[in-house]
Protein backbone atom coordinates (compact mmCIF):
# COMPACT_ATOMS: atom_id res chain seq x y z
CA MET A 1 -95.64 326.12 57.07
CA LEU A 2 -93.58 329.02 58.43
CA GLN A 3 -91.62 331.07 55.90
CA THR A 4 -88.07 332.19 56.50
CA SER A 5 -86.16 334.35 54.03
CA LYS A 6 -83.49 335.90 56.27
CA LEU A 7 -80.24 334.39 57.45
CA ILE A 8 -77.86 335.86 60.02
CA SER A 9 -74.39 334.52 59.27
CA GLN A 10 -73.06 332.74 62.37
CA GLY A 11 -75.71 334.54 64.46
CA LYS A 12 -73.61 337.74 64.46
CA GLY A 13 -74.90 340.37 66.89
CA LEU A 14 -77.43 338.05 68.53
CA ALA A 15 -77.38 337.56 72.30
CA PRO A 16 -76.60 333.95 73.30
CA ALA A 17 -79.74 333.97 75.51
CA LEU A 18 -81.86 334.70 72.43
CA LEU A 19 -80.34 331.75 70.58
CA LYS A 20 -80.87 329.42 73.56
CA ARG A 21 -84.56 330.30 73.49
CA GLY A 22 -84.82 329.50 69.80
CA SER A 23 -84.99 326.12 68.12
CA THR A 24 -82.41 324.29 66.01
CA VAL A 25 -82.52 322.60 62.64
CA GLU A 26 -80.04 319.94 61.55
CA LEU A 27 -79.21 320.01 57.84
CA ASP A 28 -76.65 318.13 55.77
CA TRP A 29 -74.49 319.76 53.09
CA ASP A 30 -76.80 318.65 50.28
CA VAL A 31 -79.59 320.82 51.74
CA ARG A 32 -77.37 323.64 53.04
CA GLN A 33 -76.09 324.46 49.55
CA LYS A 34 -79.64 325.11 48.30
CA SER A 35 -81.28 328.50 48.67
CA ARG A 36 -84.81 327.05 48.75
CA PHE A 37 -85.73 324.05 50.87
CA ASP A 38 -88.19 322.75 53.46
CA ALA A 39 -87.04 321.63 56.88
CA THR A 40 -88.42 320.65 60.29
CA ASP A 41 -86.92 322.35 63.34
CA SER A 42 -86.37 320.88 66.83
CA LEU A 43 -89.88 322.02 67.87
CA GLY A 44 -91.40 320.04 64.98
CA ARG A 45 -92.34 323.17 63.03
CA GLN A 46 -92.34 323.00 59.23
CA LEU A 47 -90.10 325.69 57.76
CA GLY A 48 -90.15 326.89 54.18
CA VAL A 49 -86.74 328.47 53.57
CA PHE A 50 -86.39 330.97 50.70
CA LEU A 51 -82.94 332.60 50.71
CA PRO A 52 -81.25 334.73 48.05
CA ARG A 53 -79.93 332.54 45.22
CA GLY A 54 -76.41 331.29 45.80
CA THR A 55 -76.66 331.50 49.60
CA LEU A 56 -74.72 328.75 51.39
CA VAL A 57 -76.08 327.87 54.82
CA ARG A 58 -73.34 327.04 57.33
CA GLY A 59 -73.51 325.30 60.68
CA GLY A 60 -73.90 328.11 63.23
CA ASP A 61 -75.95 330.33 60.91
CA VAL A 62 -79.30 331.53 62.24
CA LEU A 63 -82.55 331.58 60.27
CA VAL A 64 -85.06 334.30 61.13
CA VAL A 65 -88.63 332.97 60.80
CA GLU A 66 -91.52 335.23 59.73
CA ASP A 67 -92.96 335.09 63.29
CA GLY A 68 -89.70 336.58 64.61
CA SER A 69 -88.37 333.35 66.12
CA LEU A 70 -84.78 332.24 65.56
CA VAL A 71 -83.64 328.83 64.35
CA GLN A 72 -79.97 327.92 64.69
CA VAL A 73 -78.59 325.71 61.92
CA LEU A 74 -76.54 322.67 62.90
CA ALA A 75 -74.41 320.93 60.30
CA ALA A 76 -75.74 317.37 60.34
CA PRO A 77 -73.19 314.57 60.52
CA GLN A 78 -72.99 312.82 57.15
CA PRO A 79 -70.75 310.26 55.44
CA VAL A 80 -67.46 311.83 54.35
CA LEU A 81 -63.95 310.78 53.47
CA VAL A 82 -61.27 312.26 55.73
CA ILE A 83 -57.92 312.62 53.96
CA THR A 84 -54.68 312.98 55.88
CA ALA A 85 -51.00 312.87 54.97
CA ASP A 86 -49.34 309.52 55.63
CA ALA A 87 -46.81 310.23 58.39
CA GLY A 88 -44.77 307.17 57.40
CA HIS A 89 -44.34 307.74 53.66
CA GLY A 90 -45.39 311.26 52.85
CA THR A 91 -45.12 314.91 53.80
CA PRO A 92 -47.75 317.54 54.65
CA PHE A 93 -47.25 318.84 51.08
CA ASP A 94 -49.06 315.70 49.86
CA LEU A 95 -52.24 317.22 51.31
CA THR A 96 -51.71 320.40 49.27
CA ARG A 97 -51.24 318.33 46.13
CA ALA A 98 -54.41 316.36 46.94
CA ALA A 99 -56.39 319.60 47.38
CA TYR A 100 -55.14 320.75 43.97
CA HIS A 101 -56.19 317.51 42.24
CA LEU A 102 -59.59 317.50 43.95
CA GLY A 103 -60.11 321.18 43.12
CA ASN A 104 -59.44 320.41 39.46
CA ARG A 105 -62.38 318.00 39.59
CA HIS A 106 -64.63 320.68 41.14
CA VAL A 107 -65.70 318.46 44.03
CA PRO A 108 -66.85 320.20 47.22
CA ILE A 109 -63.91 320.05 49.63
CA GLU A 110 -63.47 321.05 53.25
CA LEU A 111 -59.95 322.38 53.81
CA ARG A 112 -58.31 322.06 57.21
CA PRO A 113 -54.64 322.59 58.16
CA ASP A 114 -54.15 318.87 58.86
CA HIS A 115 -56.83 317.15 56.76
CA LEU A 116 -59.29 317.44 53.89
CA LYS A 117 -62.86 316.20 53.70
CA ILE A 118 -64.86 315.23 50.61
CA GLU A 119 -68.12 313.40 49.99
CA PRO A 120 -67.71 309.63 49.54
CA ASP A 121 -66.36 308.72 46.10
CA HIS A 122 -64.50 305.44 45.64
CA VAL A 123 -62.73 306.59 42.45
CA LEU A 124 -61.30 309.65 44.21
CA ALA A 125 -60.47 307.56 47.29
CA GLU A 126 -58.39 305.20 45.12
CA MET A 127 -56.62 308.13 43.43
CA LEU A 128 -55.77 309.65 46.83
CA ARG A 129 -54.52 306.34 48.23
CA ALA A 130 -52.31 305.97 45.15
CA MET A 131 -50.85 309.38 46.10
CA HIS A 132 -49.83 307.87 49.50
CA LEU A 133 -52.58 309.63 51.44
CA THR A 134 -54.63 308.07 54.20
CA VAL A 135 -58.36 308.03 53.40
CA VAL A 136 -60.87 307.01 56.08
CA GLU A 137 -64.64 307.09 56.14
CA ALA A 138 -66.29 309.14 58.86
CA HIS A 139 -69.73 310.39 59.83
CA VAL A 140 -69.25 314.06 60.72
CA ALA A 141 -70.36 317.57 59.76
CA PHE A 142 -69.20 318.70 56.31
CA GLU A 143 -68.39 322.39 55.68
CA PRO A 144 -66.76 322.67 52.24
CA GLU A 145 -65.16 325.83 50.91
CA GLY A 146 -67.51 328.39 49.36
CA GLY A 147 -65.30 329.06 46.35
CA ALA A 148 -66.80 327.87 43.10
CA TYR A 149 -70.23 327.14 44.56
CA ALA A 150 -71.11 330.54 46.05
CA ALA A 151 -72.65 333.05 43.69
CA GLY A 152 -72.15 335.68 46.38
CA GLY A 153 -69.29 335.63 48.84
CA HIS A 154 -65.71 335.21 47.76
CA GLY A 155 -66.32 332.81 44.90
CA HIS A 156 -65.28 333.12 41.31
CA ASP A 157 -68.08 332.94 38.81
CA HIS A 158 -66.61 330.61 36.21
CA ALA A 159 -68.99 331.85 33.55
CA HIS A 160 -67.34 335.26 33.60
CA SER A 161 -63.79 334.54 34.72
CA THR A 162 -62.24 334.40 31.24
CA PRO A 163 -63.50 337.16 28.98
CA LYS A 164 -63.57 336.08 25.37
CA PRO A 165 -61.58 338.39 23.11
CA VAL A 166 -63.81 340.37 20.78
CA VAL A 167 -62.52 340.11 17.22
CA ILE A 168 -63.45 343.08 15.07
CA PRO A 169 -62.72 342.33 11.43
CA VAL A 170 -60.81 345.15 9.76
CA VAL A 171 -62.25 345.80 6.29
CA ALA A 172 -60.05 347.89 4.01
CA ALA A 173 -61.76 350.70 2.15
CA PRO A 174 -62.18 349.84 -1.55
CA HIS A 175 -59.29 351.18 -3.56
CA VAL A 176 -60.41 353.12 -6.61
CA HIS A 177 -57.96 353.39 -9.49
CA GLY A 178 -58.18 356.53 -11.52
CA PRO A 179 -56.02 358.11 -14.22
CA GLY A 180 -52.57 358.99 -12.91
CA CYS A 181 -52.85 356.91 -9.76
CA GLY A 182 -49.29 355.75 -10.35
CA HIS A 183 -50.00 352.03 -10.23
CA ASP A 184 -48.56 350.02 -13.06
CA HIS A 185 -51.40 347.82 -14.26
CA GLY A 186 -49.16 345.86 -16.57
CA HIS A 187 -50.44 347.53 -19.75
CA ASP A 188 -47.87 347.99 -22.43
CA HIS A 189 -48.40 351.47 -23.76
CA GLY A 190 -45.88 350.97 -26.56
CA HIS A 191 -42.95 352.82 -25.04
CA GLY A 192 -40.60 350.64 -26.99
CA HIS A 193 -39.40 348.41 -24.17
CA SER A 194 -37.58 345.55 -25.73
CA HIS A 195 -37.73 342.27 -23.88
């Protein structure tokens, strides 16, 4: 098995001729969101991929194998739901609202100007249809937003996003009463007060 632990995002800086000479590997989203996985490239070579934790592999990224060869990643077509605004009943804003509701459920979501894509989920499909959106099944590449899933990149680490307030209890110093402290302790010293 050939090890690969380096990824060149979108093959930046690589000559197209170099990429043409290399092999390809087709991976679906389920695999591409893992930082450690095994795969077989277009030449039938077994690859053991060990990337930094939190790395998302995108279609178009290039893996550098330990022997120096390059493997271009292709986003494999997979079942998805394609969500579009209903031209008859709705407005493009419906798509924004749908993205908000899906984001609240922390589902991976591919955002496009004119459509959204999510993994198949009949409960979400029904919710979206009830919001007057068109939901169709398709078999295409899925490239969801990095956001909440990427440890690196532009994501927000939810574990640290809301710092908990630190409560420091304030303990008053003990108050010592001595002679002449001026506090009236309710003792009647016989000053002749008549009640």
